[in-house]
PDB file of N, CA and C in Angstrom:
ATOM      1  N   MET A   1      79.641  83.483  99.701  1.00  0.00           N
ATOM      2  CA  MET A   1      80.938  84.633 100.298  1.00  0.00           C
ATOM      3  C   MET A   1      81.448  85.483  99.386  1.00  0.00           C
ATOM      4  N   VAL A   2      82.303  86.766  99.577  1.00  0.00           N
ATOM      5  CA  VAL A   2      82.684  87.114  98.416  1.00  0.00           C
ATOM      6  C   VAL A   2      83.927  88.051  99.825  1.00  0.00           C
ATOM      7  N   ALA A   3      85.247  87.823  99.384  1.00  0.00           N
ATOM      8  CA  ALA A   3      86.176  88.648  99.989  1.00  0.00           C
ATOM      9  C   ALA A   3      87.083  89.571  99.710  1.00  0.00           C
ATOM     10  N   SER A   4      87.722  90.474  99.806  1.00  0.00           N
ATOM     11  CA  SER A   4      88.550  91.845  99.374  1.00  0.00           C
ATOM     12  C   SER A   4      89.964  90.635  99.121  1.00  0.00           C
ATOM     13  N   THR A   5      90.909  91.473  97.902  1.00  0.00           N
ATOM     14  CA  THR A   5      92.145  90.387  98.328  1.00  0.00           C
ATOM     15  C   THR A   5      93.322  91.725  98.284  1.00  0.00           C
ATOM     16  N   TYR A   6      94.227  91.364  97.569  1.00  0.00           N
ATOM     17  CA  TYR A   6      95.236  92.706  97.598  1.00  0.00           C
ATOM     18  C   TYR A   6      96.479  92.133  97.121  1.00  0.00           C
ATOM     19  N   ASP A   7      97.497  92.949  96.210  1.00  0.00           N
ATOM     20  CA  ASP A   7      98.845  91.728  95.269  1.00  0.00           C
ATOM     21  C   ASP A   7      97.867  91.377  94.347  1.00  0.00           C
ATOM     22  N   ASP A   8      96.755  91.546  93.916  1.00  0.00           N
ATOM     23  CA  ASP A   8      96.049  91.295  93.389  1.00  0.00           C
ATOM     24  C   ASP A   8      94.697  92.070  92.011  1.00  0.00           C
ATOM     25  N   PRO A   9      94.972  91.661  90.862  1.00  0.00           N
ATOM     26  CA  PRO A   9      94.589  92.837  90.072  1.00  0.00           C
ATOM     27  C   PRO A   9      93.011  92.646  89.711  1.00  0.00           C
ATOM     28  N   ARG A  10      92.846  90.938  90.764  1.00  0.00           N
ATOM     29  CA  ARG A  10      91.265  91.409  90.896  1.00  0.00           C
ATOM     30  C   ARG A  10      90.515  91.458  92.010  1.00  0.00           C
ATOM     31  N   PRO A  11      89.949  92.538  93.120  1.00  0.00           N
ATOM     32  CA  PRO A  11      90.013  93.160  94.316  1.00  0.00           C
ATOM     33  C   PRO A  11      88.346  92.537  94.518  1.00  0.00           C
ATOM     34  N   ALA A  12      88.192  91.171  94.240  1.00  0.00           N
ATOM     35  CA  ALA A  12      87.568  91.077  95.402  1.00  0.00           C
ATOM     36  C   ALA A  12      87.037  89.338  94.309  1.00  0.00           C
ATOM     37  N   ARG A  13      87.066  88.334  95.294  1.00  0.00           N
ATOM     38  CA  ARG A  13      86.705  86.971  94.960  1.00  0.00           C
ATOM     39  C   ARG A  13      85.858  86.517  95.494  1.00  0.00           C
ATOM     40  N   VAL A  14      84.822  85.531  94.959  1.00  0.00           N
ATOM     41  CA  VAL A  14      83.722  84.450  95.429  1.00  0.00           C
ATOM     42  C   VAL A  14      84.620  83.158  96.310  1.00  0.00           C
ATOM     43  N   LEU A  15      83.793  83.588  97.134  1.00  0.00           N
ATOM     44  CA  LEU A  15      84.282  81.737  98.459  1.00  0.00           C
ATOM     45  C   LEU A  15      83.088  80.718  99.150  1.00  0.00           C
ATOM     46  N   SER A  16      83.501  79.685  98.504  1.00  0.00           N
ATOM     47  CA  SER A  16      81.898  79.012  98.189  1.00  0.00           C
ATOM     48  C   SER A  16      82.361  78.640  99.476  1.00  0.00           C
ATOM     49  N   VAL A  17      81.429  78.152  99.984  1.00  0.00           N
ATOM     50  CA  VAL A  17      81.204  77.569 102.059  1.00  0.00           C
ATOM     51  C   VAL A  17      82.405  75.841 102.044  1.00  0.00           C
ATOM     52  N   ASP A  18      82.907  75.737 100.402  1.00  0.00           N
ATOM     53  CA  ASP A  18      83.582  74.381 100.772  1.00  0.00           C
ATOM     54  C   ASP A  18      85.424  75.369 100.609  1.00  0.00           C
ATOM     55  N   GLY A  19      84.709  76.550 100.507  1.00  0.00           N
ATOM     56  CA  GLY A  19      86.470  76.760 100.206  1.00  0.00           C
ATOM     57  C   GLY A  19      86.921  77.479  98.939  1.00  0.00           C
ATOM     58  N   VAL A  20      86.783  76.637  97.571  1.00  0.00           N
ATOM     59  CA  VAL A  20      86.528  76.993  96.415  1.00  0.00           C
ATOM     60  C   VAL A  20      86.447  78.542  95.904  1.00  0.00           C
ATOM     61  N   GLU A  21      87.739  78.739  95.299  1.00  0.00           N
ATOM     62  CA  GLU A  21      87.487  80.330  94.621  1.00  0.00           C
ATOM     63  C   GLU A  21      86.940  80.304  93.248  1.00  0.00           C
ATOM     64  N   SER A  22      86.002  81.734  93.333  1.00  0.00           N
ATOM     65  CA  SER A  22      85.663  81.641  91.598  1.00  0.00           C
ATOM     66  C   SER A  22      85.790  83.273  91.626  1.00  0.00           C
ATOM     67  N   ASP A  23      85.906  83.789  90.469  1.00  0.00           N
ATOM     68  CA  ASP A  23      85.563  84.967  89.685  1.00  0.00           C
ATOM     69  C   ASP A  23      84.380  86.010  89.469  1.00  0.00           C
ATOM     70  N   PHE A  24      83.749  86.663  89.601  1.00  0.00           N
ATOM     71  CA  PHE A  24      82.768  87.479  88.615  1.00  0.00           C
ATOM     72  C   PHE A  24      83.056  88.080  87.451  1.00  0.00           C
ATOM     73  N   HIS A  25      82.383  86.496  86.531  1.00  0.00           N
ATOM     74  CA  HIS A  25      83.025  86.209  85.816  1.00  0.00           C
ATOM     75  C   HIS A  25      82.049  87.818  84.624  1.00  0.00           C
ATOM     76  N   GLN A  26      80.887  87.607  84.936  1.00  0.00           N
ATOM     77  CA  GLN A  26      79.786  88.889  84.267  1.00  0.00           C
ATOM     78  C   GLN A  26      80.927  90.266  84.434  1.00  0.00           C
ATOM     79  N   LEU A  27      81.619  90.943  85.976  1.00  0.00           N
ATOM     80  CA  LEU A  27      81.898  92.215  85.342  1.00  0.00           C
ATOM     81  C   LEU A  27      83.212  92.618  85.179  1.00  0.00           C
ATOM     82  N   GLU A  28      83.521  93.354  84.734  1.00  0.00           N
ATOM     83  CA  GLU A  28      85.243  94.101  83.946  1.00  0.00           C
ATOM     84  C   GLU A  28      85.533  94.707  85.158  1.00  0.00           C
ATOM     85  N   PHE A  29      86.416  94.177  86.277  1.00  0.00           N
ATOM     86  CA  PHE A  29      87.101  95.737  87.261  1.00  0.00           C
ATOM     87  C   PHE A  29      88.526  96.455  86.046  1.00  0.00           C
ATOM     88  N   TRP A  30      88.360  97.451  86.610  1.00  0.00           N
ATOM     89  CA  TRP A  30      89.523  98.170  86.247  1.00  0.00           C
ATOM     90  C   TRP A  30      90.864  97.580  86.314  1.00  0.00           C
ATOM     91  N   ASN A  31      91.872  98.061  85.706  1.00  0.00           N
ATOM     92  CA  ASN A  31      93.004  97.246  85.469  1.00  0.00           C
ATOM     93  C   ASN A  31      93.884  97.926  86.964  1.00  0.00           C
ATOM     94  N   LYS A  32      93.792  97.352  88.483  1.00  0.00           N
ATOM     95  CA  LYS A  32      94.361  98.161  89.225  1.00  0.00           C
ATOM     96  C   LYS A  32      94.409  96.855  90.314  1.00  0.00           C
ATOM     97  N   THR A  33      95.742  96.905  90.685  1.00  0.00           N
ATOM     98  CA  THR A  33      95.947  96.125  92.072  1.00  0.00           C
ATOM     99  C   THR A  33      96.213  96.763  93.434  1.00  0.00           C
ATOM    100  N   TYR A  34      95.894  96.756  94.587  1.00  0.00           N
ATOM    101  CA  TYR A  34      95.566  97.092  95.299  1.00  0.00           C
ATOM    102  C   TYR A  34      96.582  97.059  96.738  1.00  0.00           C
ATOM    103  N   GLU A  35      97.445  96.834  97.705  1.00  0.00           N
ATOM    104  CA  GLU A  35      97.887  96.769  98.408  1.00  0.00           C
ATOM    105  C   GLU A  35      97.164  96.312  99.892  1.00  0.00           C
ATOM    106  N   TYR A  36      97.153  96.396 100.899  1.00  0.00           N
ATOM    107  CA  TYR A  36      96.926  95.640 102.179  1.00  0.00           C
ATOM    108  C   TYR A  36      96.536  97.070 102.787  1.00  0.00           C
ATOM    109  N   LEU A  37      94.615  96.992 102.933  1.00  0.00           N
ATOM    110  CA  LEU A  37      93.720  98.469 103.612  1.00  0.00           C
ATOM    111  C   LEU A  37      93.678  99.646 102.628  1.00  0.00           C
ATOM    112  N   GLU A  38      93.977  98.907 101.063  1.00  0.00           N
ATOM    113  CA  GLU A  38      93.598 100.168 100.264  1.00  0.00           C
ATOM    114  C   GLU A  38      92.161 100.107  99.654  1.00  0.00           C
ATOM    115  N   SER A  39      91.567  99.001  99.704  1.00  0.00           N
ATOM    116  CA  SER A  39      90.431  99.003  98.917  1.00  0.00           C
ATOM    117  C   SER A  39      89.612  96.862  99.231  1.00  0.00           C
ATOM    118  N   LYS A  40      88.398  97.719 100.264  1.00  0.00           N
ATOM    119  CA  LYS A  40      87.711  96.796 100.928  1.00  0.00           C
ATOM    120  C   LYS A  40      86.323  96.575  99.791  1.00  0.00           C
ATOM    121  N   CYS A  41      85.845  95.633 100.063  1.00  0.00           N
ATOM    122  CA  CYS A  41      84.595  95.005  99.187  1.00  0.00           C
ATOM    123  C   CYS A  41      83.055  94.427  99.958  1.00  0.00           C
ATOM    124  N   THR A  42      82.353  94.889 100.136  1.00  0.00           N
ATOM    125  CA  THR A  42      80.854  93.673 100.525  1.00  0.00           C
ATOM    126  C   THR A  42      80.060  93.518  99.264  1.00  0.00           C
ATOM    127  N   TYR A  43      79.099  92.813  99.687  1.00  0.00           N
ATOM    128  CA  TYR A  43      78.282  91.919  98.904  1.00  0.00           C
ATOM    129  C   TYR A  43      77.284  91.865  99.426  1.00  0.00           C
ATOM    130  N   VAL A  44      76.160  93.047  99.214  1.00  0.00           N
ATOM    131  CA  VAL A  44      74.350  93.233  98.964  1.00  0.00           C
ATOM    132  C   VAL A  44      73.612  91.389  98.372  1.00  0.00           C
ATOM    133  N   GLN A  45      73.451  90.811  98.845  1.00  0.00           N
ATOM    134  CA  GLN A  45      72.851  89.275  98.358  1.00  0.00           C
ATOM    135  C   GLN A  45      71.492  90.461  98.082  1.00  0.00           C
ATOM    136  N   SER A  46      70.499  91.087  98.565  1.00  0.00           N
ATOM    137  CA  SER A  46      69.039  91.164  98.213  1.00  0.00           C
ATOM    138  C   SER A  46      69.498  92.082  97.426  1.00  0.00           C
ATOM    139  N   LYS A  47      70.324  92.786  96.658  1.00  0.00           N
ATOM    140  CA  LYS A  47      70.121  93.670  95.631  1.00  0.00           C
ATOM    141  C   LYS A  47      71.376  93.262  94.775  1.00  0.00           C
ATOM    142  N   ASN A  48      72.023  92.242  94.742  1.00  0.00           N
ATOM    143  CA  ASN A  48      73.094  91.284  93.855  1.00  0.00           C
ATOM    144  C   ASN A  48      74.342  92.239  93.490  1.00  0.00           C
ATOM    145  N   MET A  49      74.438  93.452  94.779  1.00  0.00           N
ATOM    146  CA  MET A  49      75.180  93.913  94.279  1.00  0.00           C
ATOM    147  C   MET A  49      76.380  93.943  95.065  1.00  0.00           C
ATOM    148  N   LEU A  50      77.866  94.340  94.386  1.00  0.00           N
ATOM    149  CA  LEU A  50      78.758  94.458  95.030  1.00  0.00           C
ATOM    150  C   LEU A  50      79.311  95.475  94.704  1.00  0.00           C
ATOM    151  N   VAL A  51      80.182  96.413  96.395  1.00  0.00           N
ATOM    152  CA  VAL A  51      80.193  97.880  96.885  1.00  0.00           C
ATOM    153  C   VAL A  51      81.975  97.260  96.857  1.00  0.00           C
ATOM    154  N   LEU A  52      82.586  97.936  96.482  1.00  0.00           N
ATOM    155  CA  LEU A  52      83.693  97.987  96.249  1.00  0.00           C
ATOM    156  C   LEU A  52      84.525  99.403  96.589  1.00  0.00           C
ATOM    157  N   THR A  53      85.319  99.217  97.654  1.00  0.00           N
ATOM    158  CA  THR A  53      86.049 101.099  97.852  1.00  0.00           C
ATOM    159  C   THR A  53      87.744 101.148  97.188  1.00  0.00           C
ATOM    160  N   ASP A  54      87.987 102.330  96.947  1.00  0.00           N
ATOM    161  CA  ASP A  54      89.510 102.991  96.768  1.00  0.00           C
ATOM    162  C   ASP A  54      89.708 103.487  98.070  1.00  0.00           C
ATOM    163  N   ARG A  55      90.461 103.152  99.101  1.00  0.00           N
ATOM    164  CA  ARG A  55      90.736 104.729 100.326  1.00  0.00           C
ATOM    165  C   ARG A  55      91.437 105.512  99.623  1.00  0.00           C
ATOM    166  N   LEU A  56      92.778 105.307  99.027  1.00  0.00           N
ATOM    167  CA  LEU A  56      93.777 106.273  97.878  1.00  0.00           C
ATOM    168  C   LEU A  56      92.904 107.386  97.503  1.00  0.00           C
ATOM    169  N   ALA A  57      91.794 107.380  96.474  1.00  0.00           N
ATOM    170  CA  ALA A  57      90.628 107.782  95.646  1.00  0.00           C
ATOM    171  C   ALA A  57      89.773 108.270  96.072  1.00  0.00           C
ATOM    172  N   HIS A  58      89.411 107.445  96.893  1.00  0.00           N
ATOM    173  CA  HIS A  58      88.495 108.163  97.541  1.00  0.00           C
ATOM    174  C   HIS A  58      87.181 108.107  97.009  1.00  0.00           C
ATOM    175  N   THR A  59      87.047 106.550  96.133  1.00  0.00           N
ATOM    176  CA  THR A  59      85.946 106.108  95.649  1.00  0.00           C
ATOM    177  C   THR A  59      84.783 105.090  95.433  1.00  0.00           C
ATOM    178  N   VAL A  60      84.146 104.668  95.833  1.00  0.00           N
ATOM    179  CA  VAL A  60      83.210 103.347  95.972  1.00  0.00           C
ATOM    180  C   VAL A  60      82.835 102.562  94.166  1.00  0.00           C
ATOM    181  N   TYR A  61      83.066 101.719  93.957  1.00  0.00           N
ATOM    182  CA  TYR A  61      82.591 101.352  92.976  1.00  0.00           C
ATOM    183  C   TYR A  61      81.384 101.226  92.942  1.00  0.00           C
ATOM    184  N   VAL A  62      80.119 100.650  92.706  1.00  0.00           N
ATOM    185  CA  VAL A  62      79.213  99.591  92.639  1.00  0.00           C
ATOM    186  C   VAL A  62      79.044  98.979  91.585  1.00  0.00           C
ATOM    187  N   TYR A  63      78.951  97.905  91.686  1.00  0.00           N
ATOM    188  CA  TYR A  63      79.142  96.742  90.393  1.00  0.00           C
ATOM    189  C   TYR A  63      77.635  95.951  90.882  1.00  0.00           C
ATOM    190  N   ASP A  64      76.162  95.792  89.462  1.00  0.00           N
ATOM    191  CA  ASP A  64      75.172  95.376  89.793  1.00  0.00           C
ATOM    192  C   ASP A  64      75.887  93.711  89.510  1.00  0.00           C
ATOM    193  N   THR A  65      76.021  92.505  90.172  1.00  0.00           N
ATOM    194  CA  THR A  65      76.397  91.468  89.649  1.00  0.00           C
ATOM    195  C   THR A  65      75.252  90.791  88.294  1.00  0.00           C
ATOM    196  N   VAL A  66      74.504  91.133  88.225  1.00  0.00           N
ATOM    197  CA  VAL A  66      73.600  90.551  86.962  1.00  0.00           C
ATOM    198  C   VAL A  66      73.322  90.010  86.005  1.00  0.00           C
ATOM    199  N   LYS A  67      73.168  92.090  85.825  1.00  0.00           N
ATOM    200  CA  LYS A  67      73.483  92.725  85.087  1.00  0.00           C
ATOM    201  C   LYS A  67      74.680  93.202  83.921  1.00  0.00           C
ATOM    202  N   GLY A  68      75.739  93.319  85.378  1.00  0.00           N
ATOM    203  CA  GLY A  68      77.115  94.020  84.734  1.00  0.00           C
ATOM    204  C   GLY A  68      77.608  94.883  84.937  1.00  0.00           C
ATOM    205  N   THR A  69      76.531  95.929  85.023  1.00  0.00           N
ATOM    206  CA  THR A  69      76.955  97.121  84.726  1.00  0.00           C
ATOM    207  C   THR A  69      77.902  98.191  86.629  1.00  0.00           C
ATOM    208  N   SER A  70      77.707  98.880  86.423  1.00  0.00           N
ATOM    209  CA  SER A  70      78.417  99.367  87.023  1.00  0.00           C
ATOM    210  C   SER A  70      78.401 101.199  87.565  1.00  0.00           C
ATOM    211  N   ARG A  71      78.574 101.618  88.694  1.00  0.00           N
ATOM    212  CA  ARG A  71      78.394 103.326  88.250  1.00  0.00           C
ATOM    213  C   ARG A  71      79.880 103.110  90.013  1.00  0.00           C
ATOM    214  N   VAL A  72      80.079 104.321  89.445  1.00  0.00           N
ATOM    215  CA  VAL A  72      81.226 104.946  90.222  1.00  0.00           C
ATOM    216  C   VAL A  72      80.922 106.283  91.285  1.00  0.00           C
ATOM    217  N   PHE A  73      80.806 106.778  92.573  1.00  0.00           N
ATOM    218  CA  PHE A  73      81.364 107.783  93.329  1.00  0.00           C
ATOM    219  C   PHE A  73      82.264 108.476  94.000  1.00  0.00           C
ATOM    220  N   THR A  74      82.695 109.750  94.041  1.00  0.00           N
ATOM    221  CA  THR A  74      84.301 110.053  94.294  1.00  0.00           C
ATOM    222  C   THR A  74      83.369 110.881  94.835  1.00  0.00           C
ATOM    223  N   ASN A  75      84.302 111.349  96.408  1.00  0.00           N
ATOM    224  CA  ASN A  75      84.013 112.489  96.898  1.00  0.00           C
ATOM    225  C   ASN A  75      85.428 112.996  96.881  1.00  0.00           C
TER     226      ASN A  75
END
């Protein structure tokens, strides 16, 4: 499972069924720390994609967790 974070430079963390936290080792996140409700994430398992939002910047980041690549969409 994937969870959003706040007050942490890692915007998303992986949680195992046993409650063990880990990082996305193959992904390079930008150096930004969000406050509560400024960013959210979801993981699309069928596509191996992590989707992160930046509410204040009106931006969506889509990461391919297998290839380690990303795309940015701004409105």
